[in-house]
Amino acid sequence: MLEDTRRSDAHGERERIRRALLARRPALAARLVEGPSGALTVPVGQGRAIEVGRMRRLGRPRWVVVEPMEEGAKVHEPAGIGDCARIVLAALARRRMPRASAA
């Protein structure tokens, strides 16, 4: 029964994250998908995606945002559920910023 409660809590939290993202960026509705693991993903091209999922950190499951980087990925640890949407939107904004040209 405890496992069902945790799963239910995670589902409700994931829906709060989804709603927060869509409230701030409605256009994401066409791109935001739930992966097989239950993570929310936003494809960003080249077969990569920003992912919002639960990961065991410091002995307990926590929400994390995984941002693909040029080499590897960066794991962000949101301060709370509400912070997940801010981190995802900031990661999307960084991908749109023009890169500095090498001089």
PDB file of N, CA and C in Angstrom:
ATOM      1  N   MET A   1       0.813  -1.195   0.000  1.00  0.00           N
ATOM      2  CA  MET A   1       0.000   0.000   0.000  1.00  0.00           C
ATOM      3  C   MET A   1       0.858   1.262   0.000  1.00  0.00           C
ATOM      4  N   LEU A   2       1.981   1.231   0.733  1.00  0.00           N
ATOM      5  CA  LEU A   2       2.872   2.383   0.793  1.00  0.00           C
ATOM      6  C   LEU A   2       3.410   2.721  -0.600  1.00  0.00           C
ATOM      7  N   GLU A   3       3.783   1.701  -1.370  1.00  0.00           N
ATOM      8  CA  GLU A   3       4.295   1.925  -2.724  1.00  0.00           C
ATOM      9  C   GLU A   3       3.247   2.605  -3.602  1.00  0.00           C
ATOM     10  N   ASP A   4       1.970   2.189  -3.479  1.00  0.00           N
ATOM     11  CA  ASP A   4       0.905   2.819  -4.263  1.00  0.00           C
ATOM     12  C   ASP A   4       0.763   4.294  -3.908  1.00  0.00           C
ATOM     13  N   THR A   5       0.927   4.642  -2.621  1.00  0.00           N
ATOM     14  CA  THR A   5       0.850   6.037  -2.195  1.00  0.00           C
ATOM     15  C   THR A   5       1.981   6.841  -2.812  1.00  0.00           C
ATOM     16  N   ARG A   6       3.178   6.296  -2.796  1.00  0.00           N
ATOM     17  CA  ARG A   6       4.330   6.993  -3.391  1.00  0.00           C
ATOM     18  C   ARG A   6       4.111   7.206  -4.880  1.00  0.00           C
ATOM     19  N   ARG A   7       3.631   6.163  -5.554  1.00  0.00           N
ATOM     20  CA  ARG A   7       3.402   6.265  -6.993  1.00  0.00           C
ATOM     21  C   ARG A   7       2.330   7.321  -7.280  1.00  0.00           C
ATOM     22  N   SER A   8       1.286   7.333  -6.480  1.00  0.00           N
ATOM     23  CA  SER A   8       0.210   8.311  -6.639  1.00  0.00           C
ATOM     24  C   SER A   8       0.724   9.720  -6.397  1.00  0.00           C
ATOM     25  N   ASP A   9       1.552   9.897  -5.356  1.00  0.00           N
ATOM     26  CA  ASP A   9       2.147  11.208  -5.067  1.00  0.00           C
ATOM     27  C   ASP A   9       3.008  11.667  -6.239  1.00  0.00           C
ATOM     28  N   ALA A  10       3.827  10.769  -6.765  1.00  0.00           N
ATOM     29  CA  ALA A  10       4.708  11.113  -7.888  1.00  0.00           C
ATOM     30  C   ALA A  10       3.882  11.508  -9.109  1.00  0.00           C
ATOM     31  N   HIS A  11       2.787  10.781  -9.364  1.00  0.00           N
ATOM     32  CA  HIS A  11       1.931  11.104 -10.511  1.00  0.00           C
ATOM     33  C   HIS A  11       1.321  12.503 -10.340  1.00  0.00           C
ATOM     34  N   GLY A  12       0.833  12.801  -9.157  1.00  0.00           N
ATOM     35  CA  GLY A  12       0.247  14.121  -8.897  1.00  0.00           C
ATOM     36  C   GLY A  12       1.268  15.230  -9.028  1.00  0.00           C
ATOM     37  N   GLU A  13       2.478  14.991  -8.520  1.00  0.00           N
ATOM     38  CA  GLU A  13       3.544  15.992  -8.635  1.00  0.00           C
ATOM     39  C   GLU A  13       3.935  16.193 -10.093  1.00  0.00           C
ATOM     40  N   ARG A  14       4.020  15.092 -10.853  1.00  0.00           N
ATOM     41  CA  ARG A  14       4.370  15.201 -12.280  1.00  0.00           C
ATOM     42  C   ARG A  14       3.316  16.023 -13.017  1.00  0.00           C
ATOM     43  N   GLU A  15       2.048  15.831 -12.678  1.00  0.00           N
ATOM     44  CA  GLU A  15       0.989  16.613 -13.316  1.00  0.00           C
ATOM     45  C   GLU A  15       1.088  18.087 -12.944  1.00  0.00           C
ATOM     46  N   ARG A  16       1.470  18.389 -11.712  1.00  0.00           N
ATOM     47  CA  ARG A  16       1.681  19.792 -11.313  1.00  0.00           C
ATOM     48  C   ARG A  16       2.820  20.404 -12.120  1.00  0.00           C
ATOM     49  N   ILE A  17       3.881  19.652 -12.350  1.00  0.00           N
ATOM     50  CA  ILE A  17       5.007  20.141 -13.152  1.00  0.00           C
ATOM     51  C   ILE A  17       4.543  20.384 -14.586  1.00  0.00           C
ATOM     52  N   ARG A  18       3.801  19.418 -15.149  1.00  0.00           N
ATOM     53  CA  ARG A  18       3.295  19.558 -16.523  1.00  0.00           C
ATOM     54  C   ARG A  18       2.422  20.815 -16.646  1.00  0.00           C
ATOM     55  N   ARG A  19       1.502  20.990 -15.703  1.00  0.00           N
ATOM     56  CA  ARG A  19       0.611  22.166 -15.748  1.00  0.00           C
ATOM     57  C   ARG A  19       1.401  23.471 -15.631  1.00  0.00           C
ATOM     58  N   ALA A  20       2.417  23.486 -14.767  1.00  0.00           N
ATOM     59  CA  ALA A  20       3.233  24.699 -14.611  1.00  0.00           C
ATOM     60  C   ALA A  20       3.971  25.021 -15.909  1.00  0.00           C
ATOM     61  N   LEU A  21       4.508  23.999 -16.569  1.00  0.00           N
ATOM     62  CA  LEU A  21       5.208  24.224 -17.840  1.00  0.00           C
ATOM     63  C   LEU A  21       4.249  24.759 -18.900  1.00  0.00           C
ATOM     64  N   LEU A  22       3.073  24.140 -19.004  1.00  0.00           N
ATOM     65  CA  LEU A  22       2.118  24.558 -20.040  1.00  0.00           C
ATOM     66  C   LEU A  22       1.512  25.920 -19.741  1.00  0.00           C
ATOM     67  N   ALA A  23       1.380  26.264 -18.469  1.00  0.00           N
ATOM     68  CA  ALA A  23       0.864  27.595 -18.121  1.00  0.00           C
ATOM     69  C   ALA A  23       1.855  28.677 -18.538  1.00  0.00           C
ATOM     70  N   ARG A  24       3.134  28.390 -18.395  1.00  0.00           N
ATOM     71  CA  ARG A  24       4.160  29.383 -18.741  1.00  0.00           C
ATOM     72  C   ARG A  24       4.540  29.357 -20.208  1.00  0.00           C
ATOM     73  N   ARG A  25       4.395  28.190 -20.849  1.00  0.00           N
ATOM     74  CA  ARG A  25       4.756  28.063 -22.260  1.00  0.00           C
ATOM     75  C   ARG A  25       3.777  27.123 -22.945  1.00  0.00           C
ATOM     76  N   PRO A  26       2.569  27.619 -23.302  1.00  0.00           N
ATOM     77  CA  PRO A  26       1.537  26.758 -23.903  1.00  0.00           C
ATOM     78  C   PRO A  26       2.004  26.007 -25.151  1.00  0.00           C
ATOM     79  N   ALA A  27       2.931  26.576 -25.901  1.00  0.00           N
ATOM     80  CA  ALA A  27       3.414  25.929 -27.124  1.00  0.00           C
ATOM     81  C   ALA A  27       4.109  24.600 -26.839  1.00  0.00           C
ATOM     82  N   LEU A  28       4.503  24.362 -25.591  1.00  0.00           N
ATOM     83  CA  LEU A  28       5.152  23.097 -25.254  1.00  0.00           C
ATOM     84  C   LEU A  28       4.183  21.914 -25.323  1.00  0.00           C
ATOM     85  N   ALA A  29       2.898  22.174 -25.382  1.00  0.00           N
ATOM     86  CA  ALA A  29       1.908  21.088 -25.419  1.00  0.00           C
ATOM     87  C   ALA A  29       2.187  20.109 -26.557  1.00  0.00           C
ATOM     88  N   ALA A  30       2.700  20.624 -27.666  1.00  0.00           N
ATOM     89  CA  ALA A  30       2.981  19.776 -28.826  1.00  0.00           C
ATOM     90  C   ALA A  30       4.267  18.966 -28.665  1.00  0.00           C
ATOM     91  N   ARG A  31       5.120  19.326 -27.707  1.00  0.00           N
ATOM     92  CA  ARG A  31       6.429  18.671 -27.560  1.00  0.00           C
ATOM     93  C   ARG A  31       6.601  17.903 -26.261  1.00  0.00           C
ATOM     94  N   LEU A  32       5.855  18.251 -25.235  1.00  0.00           N
ATOM     95  CA  LEU A  32       6.019  17.664 -23.916  1.00  0.00           C
ATOM     96  C   LEU A  32       5.384  16.274 -23.890  1.00  0.00           C
ATOM     97  N   VAL A  33       6.186  15.264 -23.624  1.00  0.00           N
ATOM     98  CA  VAL A  33       5.679  13.887 -23.600  1.00  0.00           C
ATOM     99  C   VAL A  33       6.133  13.188 -22.327  1.00  0.00           C
ATOM    100  N   GLU A  34       5.393  12.145 -21.974  1.00  0.00           N
ATOM    101  CA  GLU A  34       5.774  11.319 -20.840  1.00  0.00           C
ATOM    102  C   GLU A  34       6.453  10.075 -21.384  1.00  0.00           C
ATOM    103  N   GLY A  35       7.689   9.858 -20.956  1.00  0.00           N
ATOM    104  CA  GLY A  35       8.437   8.704 -21.420  1.00  0.00           C
ATOM    105  C   GLY A  35       8.022   7.433 -20.702  1.00  0.00           C
ATOM    106  N   PRO A  36       8.575   6.295 -21.118  1.00  0.00           N
ATOM    107  CA  PRO A  36       8.195   5.008 -20.527  1.00  0.00           C
ATOM    108  C   PRO A  36       8.508   4.916 -19.028  1.00  0.00           C
ATOM    109  N   SER A  37       9.479   5.664 -18.565  1.00  0.00           N
ATOM    110  CA  SER A  37       9.837   5.635 -17.142  1.00  0.00           C
ATOM    111  C   SER A  37       8.950   6.564 -16.317  1.00  0.00           C
ATOM    112  N   GLY A  38       8.127   7.359 -16.998  1.00  0.00           N
ATOM    113  CA  GLY A  38       7.292   8.334 -16.311  1.00  0.00           C
ATOM    114  C   GLY A  38       7.893   9.725 -16.304  1.00  0.00           C
ATOM    115  N   ALA A  39       9.098   9.870 -16.828  1.00  0.00           N
ATOM    116  CA  ALA A  39       9.731  11.187 -16.902  1.00  0.00           C
ATOM    117  C   ALA A  39       9.029  12.039 -17.955  1.00  0.00           C
ATOM    118  N   LEU A  40       8.925  13.334 -17.690  1.00  0.00           N
ATOM    119  CA  LEU A  40       8.450  14.275 -18.707  1.00  0.00           C
ATOM    120  C   LEU A  40       9.651  14.630 -19.563  1.00  0.00           C
ATOM    121  N   THR A  41       9.477  14.625 -20.864  1.00  0.00           N
ATOM    122  CA  THR A  41      10.590  14.957 -21.748  1.00  0.00           C
ATOM    123  C   THR A  41      10.174  16.034 -22.737  1.00  0.00           C
ATOM    124  N   VAL A  42      11.143  16.892 -23.058  1.00  0.00           N
ATOM    125  CA  VAL A  42      10.972  17.916 -24.076  1.00  0.00           C
ATOM    126  C   VAL A  42      12.092  17.705 -25.087  1.00  0.00           C
ATOM    127  N   PRO A  43      11.790  17.102 -26.247  1.00  0.00           N
ATOM    128  CA  PRO A  43      12.822  16.909 -27.258  1.00  0.00           C
ATOM    129  C   PRO A  43      13.428  18.244 -27.688  1.00  0.00           C
ATOM    130  N   VAL A  44      14.753  18.253 -27.861  1.00  0.00           N
ATOM    131  CA  VAL A  44      15.444  19.480 -28.240  1.00  0.00           C
ATOM    132  C   VAL A  44      16.280  19.295 -29.509  1.00  0.00           C
ATOM    133  N   GLY A  45      16.075  18.198 -30.210  1.00  0.00           N
ATOM    134  CA  GLY A  45      16.792  17.973 -31.464  1.00  0.00           C
ATOM    135  C   GLY A  45      17.958  17.021 -31.283  1.00  0.00           C
ATOM    136  N   GLN A  46      18.401  16.478 -32.393  1.00  0.00           N
ATOM    137  CA  GLN A  46      19.533  15.560 -32.442  1.00  0.00           C
ATOM    138  C   GLN A  46      19.337  14.361 -31.511  1.00  0.00           C
ATOM    139  N   GLY A  47      18.080  13.938 -31.351  1.00  0.00           N
ATOM    140  CA  GLY A  47      17.788  12.780 -30.523  1.00  0.00           C
ATOM    141  C   GLY A  47      17.935  13.005 -29.028  1.00  0.00           C
ATOM    142  N   ARG A  48      18.021  14.254 -28.621  1.00  0.00           N
ATOM    143  CA  ARG A  48      18.223  14.575 -27.201  1.00  0.00           C
ATOM    144  C   ARG A  48      16.986  15.251 -26.638  1.00  0.00           C
ATOM    145  N   ALA A  49      16.888  15.255 -25.305  1.00  0.00           N
ATOM    146  CA  ALA A  49      15.719  15.848 -24.655  1.00  0.00           C
ATOM    147  C   ALA A  49      16.092  16.348 -23.267  1.00  0.00           C
ATOM    148  N   ILE A  50      15.369  17.355 -22.830  1.00  0.00           N
ATOM    149  CA  ILE A  50      15.407  17.778 -21.429  1.00  0.00           C
ATOM    150  C   ILE A  50      14.423  16.862 -20.717  1.00  0.00           C
ATOM    151  N   GLU A  51      14.836  16.271 -19.610  1.00  0.00           N
ATOM    152  CA  GLU A  51      13.979  15.334 -18.896  1.00  0.00           C
ATOM    153  C   GLU A  51      13.731  15.802 -17.473  1.00  0.00           C
ATOM    154  N   VAL A  52      12.503  15.608 -17.021  1.00  0.00           N
ATOM    155  CA  VAL A  52      12.123  15.876 -15.631  1.00  0.00           C
ATOM    156  C   VAL A  52      11.661  14.544 -15.074  1.00  0.00           C
ATOM    157  N   GLY A  53      12.394  14.040 -14.103  1.00  0.00           N
ATOM    158  CA  GLY A  53      12.042  12.740 -13.544  1.00  0.00           C
ATOM    159  C   GLY A  53      12.494  12.619 -12.103  1.00  0.00           C
ATOM    160  N   ARG A  54      12.201  11.474 -11.540  1.00  0.00           N
ATOM    161  CA  ARG A  54      12.589  11.222 -10.155  1.00  0.00           C
ATOM    162  C   ARG A  54      13.840  10.360 -10.140  1.00  0.00           C
ATOM    163  N   MET A  55      14.747  10.718  -9.251  1.00  0.00           N
ATOM    164  CA  MET A  55      16.014  10.009  -9.101  1.00  0.00           C
ATOM    165  C   MET A  55      16.312   9.906  -7.614  1.00  0.00           C
ATOM    166  N   ARG A  56      16.852   8.789  -7.221  1.00  0.00           N
ATOM    167  CA  ARG A  56      17.231   8.647  -5.817  1.00  0.00           C
ATOM    168  C   ARG A  56      18.500   9.465  -5.588  1.00  0.00           C
ATOM    169  N   ARG A  57      18.374  10.471  -4.725  1.00  0.00           N
ATOM    170  CA  ARG A  57      19.494  11.356  -4.381  1.00  0.00           C
ATOM    171  C   ARG A  57      19.539  11.458  -2.866  1.00  0.00           C
ATOM    172  N   LEU A  58      20.697  11.251  -2.298  1.00  0.00           N
ATOM    173  CA  LEU A  58      20.872  11.326  -0.844  1.00  0.00           C
ATOM    174  C   LEU A  58      19.883  10.416  -0.113  1.00  0.00           C
ATOM    175  N   GLY A  59      19.656   9.236  -0.687  1.00  0.00           N
ATOM    176  CA  GLY A  59      18.846   8.231  -0.028  1.00  0.00           C
ATOM    177  C   GLY A  59      17.347   8.336  -0.199  1.00  0.00           C
ATOM    178  N   ARG A  60      16.871   9.325  -0.949  1.00  0.00           N
ATOM    179  CA  ARG A  60      15.427   9.418  -1.149  1.00  0.00           C
ATOM    180  C   ARG A  60      15.124   9.892  -2.568  1.00  0.00           C
ATOM    181  N   PRO A  61      13.939   9.526  -3.078  1.00  0.00           N
ATOM    182  CA  PRO A  61      13.602   9.974  -4.436  1.00  0.00           C
ATOM    183  C   PRO A  61      13.338  11.473  -4.465  1.00  0.00           C
ATOM    184  N   ARG A  62      13.932  12.127  -5.445  1.00  0.00           N
ATOM    185  CA  ARG A  62      13.760  13.577  -5.622  1.00  0.00           C
ATOM    186  C   ARG A  62      13.522  13.846  -7.092  1.00  0.00           C
ATOM    187  N   TRP A  63      12.883  14.963  -7.368  1.00  0.00           N
ATOM    188  CA  TRP A  63      12.721  15.388  -8.754  1.00  0.00           C
ATOM    189  C   TRP A  63      14.026  16.016  -9.219  1.00  0.00           C
ATOM    190  N   VAL A  64      14.413  15.699 -10.429  1.00  0.00           N
ATOM    191  CA  VAL A  64      15.597  16.300 -11.040  1.00  0.00           C
ATOM    192  C   VAL A  64      15.241  16.706 -12.465  1.00  0.00           C
ATOM    193  N   VAL A  65      15.994  17.662 -12.987  1.00  0.00           N
ATOM    194  CA  VAL A  65      15.877  18.055 -14.390  1.00  0.00           C
ATOM    195  C   VAL A  65      17.227  17.752 -15.021  1.00  0.00           C
ATOM    196  N   VAL A  66      17.212  16.942 -16.068  1.00  0.00           N
ATOM    197  CA  VAL A  66      18.448  16.569 -16.763  1.00  0.00           C
ATOM    198  C   VAL A  66      18.487  17.330 -18.070  1.00  0.00           C
ATOM    199  N   GLU A  67      19.521  18.145 -18.199  1.00  0.00           N
ATOM    200  CA  GLU A  67      19.688  19.003 -19.378  1.00  0.00           C
ATOM    201  C   GLU A  67      20.837  18.480 -20.227  1.00  0.00           C
ATOM    202  N   PRO A  68      20.578  18.134 -21.492  1.00  0.00           N
ATOM    203  CA  PRO A  68      21.682  17.690 -22.347  1.00  0.00           C
ATOM    204  C   PRO A  68      22.651  18.839 -22.595  1.00  0.00           C
ATOM    205  N   MET A  69      23.914  18.527 -22.522  1.00  0.00           N
ATOM    206  CA  MET A  69      24.961  19.514 -22.768  1.00  0.00           C
ATOM    207  C   MET A  69      25.741  19.072 -24.009  1.00  0.00           C
ATOM    208  N   GLU A  70      26.654  19.899 -24.445  1.00  0.00           N
ATOM    209  CA  GLU A  70      27.448  19.543 -25.612  1.00  0.00           C
ATOM    210  C   GLU A  70      28.123  18.190 -25.415  1.00  0.00           C
ATOM    211  N   GLU A  71      28.660  17.997 -24.229  1.00  0.00           N
ATOM    212  CA  GLU A  71      29.261  16.703 -23.889  1.00  0.00           C
ATOM    213  C   GLU A  71      28.621  16.215 -22.602  1.00  0.00           C
ATOM    214  N   GLY A  72      27.758  15.220 -22.698  1.00  0.00           N
ATOM    215  CA  GLY A  72      27.119  14.671 -21.511  1.00  0.00           C
ATOM    216  C   GLY A  72      25.837  15.404 -21.157  1.00  0.00           C
ATOM    217  N   ALA A  73      25.587  15.503 -19.863  1.00  0.00           N
ATOM    218  CA  ALA A  73      24.364  16.130 -19.382  1.00  0.00           C
ATOM    219  C   ALA A  73      24.614  16.735 -18.011  1.00  0.00           C
ATOM    220  N   LYS A  74      23.779  17.692 -17.656  1.00  0.00           N
ATOM    221  CA  LYS A  74      23.848  18.321 -16.341  1.00  0.00           C
ATOM    222  C   LYS A  74      22.581  17.961 -15.586  1.00  0.00           C
ATOM    223  N   VAL A  75      22.736  17.513 -14.338  1.00  0.00           N
ATOM    224  CA  VAL A  75      21.597  17.185 -13.495  1.00  0.00           C
ATOM    225  C   VAL A  75      21.342  18.363 -12.567  1.00  0.00           C
ATOM    226  N   HIS A  76      20.162  18.962 -12.704  1.00  0.00           N
ATOM    227  CA  HIS A  76      19.755  20.071 -11.834  1.00  0.00           C
ATOM    228  C   HIS A  76      18.881  19.495 -10.724  1.00  0.00           C
ATOM    229  N   GLU A  77      19.062  19.974  -9.510  1.00  0.00           N
ATOM    230  CA  GLU A  77      18.242  19.551  -8.381  1.00  0.00           C
ATOM    231  C   GLU A  77      17.355  20.717  -7.958  1.00  0.00           C
ATOM    232  N   PRO A  78      16.094  20.721  -8.408  1.00  0.00           N
ATOM    233  CA  PRO A  78      15.188  21.820  -8.077  1.00  0.00           C
ATOM    234  C   PRO A  78      14.974  21.941  -6.568  1.00  0.00           C
ATOM    235  N   ALA A  79      14.733  23.164  -6.129  1.00  0.00           N
ATOM    236  CA  ALA A  79      14.445  23.411  -4.711  1.00  0.00           C
ATOM    237  C   ALA A  79      13.094  22.805  -4.331  1.00  0.00           C
ATOM    238  N   GLY A  80      12.211  22.637  -5.293  1.00  0.00           N
ATOM    239  CA  GLY A  80      10.892  22.067  -5.055  1.00  0.00           C
ATOM    240  C   GLY A  80      10.202  21.816  -6.380  1.00  0.00           C
ATOM    241  N   ILE A  81       8.990  21.315  -6.305  1.00  0.00           N
ATOM    242  CA  ILE A  81       8.226  20.999  -7.513  1.00  0.00           C
ATOM    243  C   ILE A  81       8.073  22.226  -8.413  1.00  0.00           C
ATOM    244  N   GLY A  82       7.773  23.366  -7.815  1.00  0.00           N
ATOM    245  CA  GLY A  82       7.571  24.587  -8.595  1.00  0.00           C
ATOM    246  C   GLY A  82       8.813  25.050  -9.335  1.00  0.00           C
ATOM    247  N   ASP A  83       9.961  24.676  -8.844  1.00  0.00           N
ATOM    248  CA  ASP A  83      11.226  25.087  -9.449  1.00  0.00           C
ATOM    249  C   ASP A  83      11.533  24.296 -10.724  1.00  0.00           C
ATOM    250  N   CYS A  84      10.917  23.129 -10.895  1.00  0.00           N
ATOM    251  CA  CYS A  84      11.186  22.298 -12.074  1.00  0.00           C
ATOM    252  C   CYS A  84      10.879  23.047 -13.367  1.00  0.00           C
ATOM    253  N   ALA A  85       9.717  23.696 -13.437  1.00  0.00           N
ATOM    254  CA  ALA A  85       9.331  24.408 -14.656  1.00  0.00           C
ATOM    255  C   ALA A  85      10.314  25.529 -14.956  1.00  0.00           C
ATOM    256  N   ARG A  86      10.740  26.263 -13.939  1.00  0.00           N
ATOM    257  CA  ARG A  86      11.703  27.357 -14.149  1.00  0.00           C
ATOM    258  C   ARG A  86      13.001  26.818 -14.751  1.00  0.00           C
ATOM    259  N   ILE A  87      13.482  25.697 -14.240  1.00  0.00           N
ATOM    260  CA  ILE A  87      14.737  25.121 -14.730  1.00  0.00           C
ATOM    261  C   ILE A  87      14.584  24.643 -16.174  1.00  0.00           C
ATOM    262  N   VAL A  88      13.464  23.990 -16.494  1.00  0.00           N
ATOM    263  CA  VAL A  88      13.239  23.526 -17.871  1.00  0.00           C
ATOM    264  C   VAL A  88      13.196  24.709 -18.829  1.00  0.00           C
ATOM    265  N   LEU A  89      12.467  25.754 -18.471  1.00  0.00           N
ATOM    266  CA  LEU A  89      12.359  26.922 -19.359  1.00  0.00           C
ATOM    267  C   LEU A  89      13.695  27.633 -19.516  1.00  0.00           C
ATOM    268  N   ALA A  90      14.488  27.682 -18.453  1.00  0.00           N
ATOM    269  CA  ALA A  90      15.827  28.280 -18.556  1.00  0.00           C
ATOM    270  C   ALA A  90      16.713  27.439 -19.471  1.00  0.00           C
ATOM    271  N   ALA A  91      16.608  26.120 -19.379  1.00  0.00           N
ATOM    272  CA  ALA A  91      17.402  25.237 -20.250  1.00  0.00           C
ATOM    273  C   ALA A  91      16.995  25.427 -21.710  1.00  0.00           C
ATOM    274  N   LEU A  92      15.695  25.567 -21.966  1.00  0.00           N
ATOM    275  CA  LEU A  92      15.246  25.820 -23.338  1.00  0.00           C
ATOM    276  C   LEU A  92      15.763  27.164 -23.843  1.00  0.00           C
ATOM    277  N   ALA A  93      15.754  28.177 -22.987  1.00  0.00           N
ATOM    278  CA  ALA A  93      16.250  29.507 -23.380  1.00  0.00           C
ATOM    279  C   ALA A  93      17.737  29.450 -23.708  1.00  0.00           C
ATOM    280  N   ARG A  94      18.498  28.685 -22.952  1.00  0.00           N
ATOM    281  CA  ARG A  94      19.950  28.564 -23.232  1.00  0.00           C
ATOM    282  C   ARG A  94      20.190  27.933 -24.591  1.00  0.00           C
ATOM    283  N   ARG A  95      19.332  27.037 -25.004  1.00  0.00           N
ATOM    284  CA  ARG A  95      19.510  26.371 -26.295  1.00  0.00           C
ATOM    285  C   ARG A  95      19.234  27.320 -27.454  1.00  0.00           C
ATOM    286  N   ARG A  96      18.463  28.380 -27.204  1.00  0.00           N
ATOM    287  CA  ARG A  96      18.151  29.342 -28.266  1.00  0.00           C
ATOM    288  C   ARG A  96      19.150  30.484 -28.339  1.00  0.00           C
ATOM    289  N   MET A  97      19.990  30.604 -27.320  1.00  0.00           N
ATOM    290  CA  MET A  97      20.951  31.717 -27.299  1.00  0.00           C
ATOM    291  C   MET A  97      22.051  31.454 -28.324  1.00  0.00           C
ATOM    292  N   PRO A  98      22.386  32.449 -29.133  1.00  0.00           N
ATOM    293  CA  PRO A  98      23.470  32.249 -30.106  1.00  0.00           C
ATOM    294  C   PRO A  98      24.792  32.031 -29.391  1.00  0.00           C
ATOM    295  N   ARG A  99      25.568  31.129 -29.935  1.00  0.00           N
ATOM    296  CA  ARG A  99      26.872  30.866 -29.357  1.00  0.00           C
ATOM    297  C   ARG A  99      27.844  31.961 -29.765  1.00  0.00           C
ATOM    298  N   ALA A 100      28.750  32.289 -28.859  1.00  0.00           N
ATOM    299  CA  ALA A 100      29.780  33.300 -29.158  1.00  0.00           C
ATOM    300  C   ALA A 100      30.694  32.733 -30.222  1.00  0.00           C
ATOM    301  N   SER A 101      30.998  33.548 -31.204  1.00  0.00           N
ATOM    302  CA  SER A 101      31.881  33.067 -32.273  1.00  0.00           C
ATOM    303  C   SER A 101      33.320  33.082 -31.799  1.00  0.00           C
ATOM    304  N   ALA A 102      34.066  32.112 -32.255  1.00  0.00           N
ATOM    305  CA  ALA A 102      35.487  32.040 -31.887  1.00  0.00           C
ATOM    306  C   ALA A 102      36.233  33.075 -32.707  1.00  0.00           C
ATOM    307  N   ALA A 103      37.009  33.889 -32.030  1.00  0.00           N
ATOM    308  CA  ALA A 103      37.732  34.949 -32.732  1.00  0.00           C
ATOM    309  C   ALA A 103      39.154  34.564 -32.996  1.00  0.00           C
TER     310      ALA A 103
END
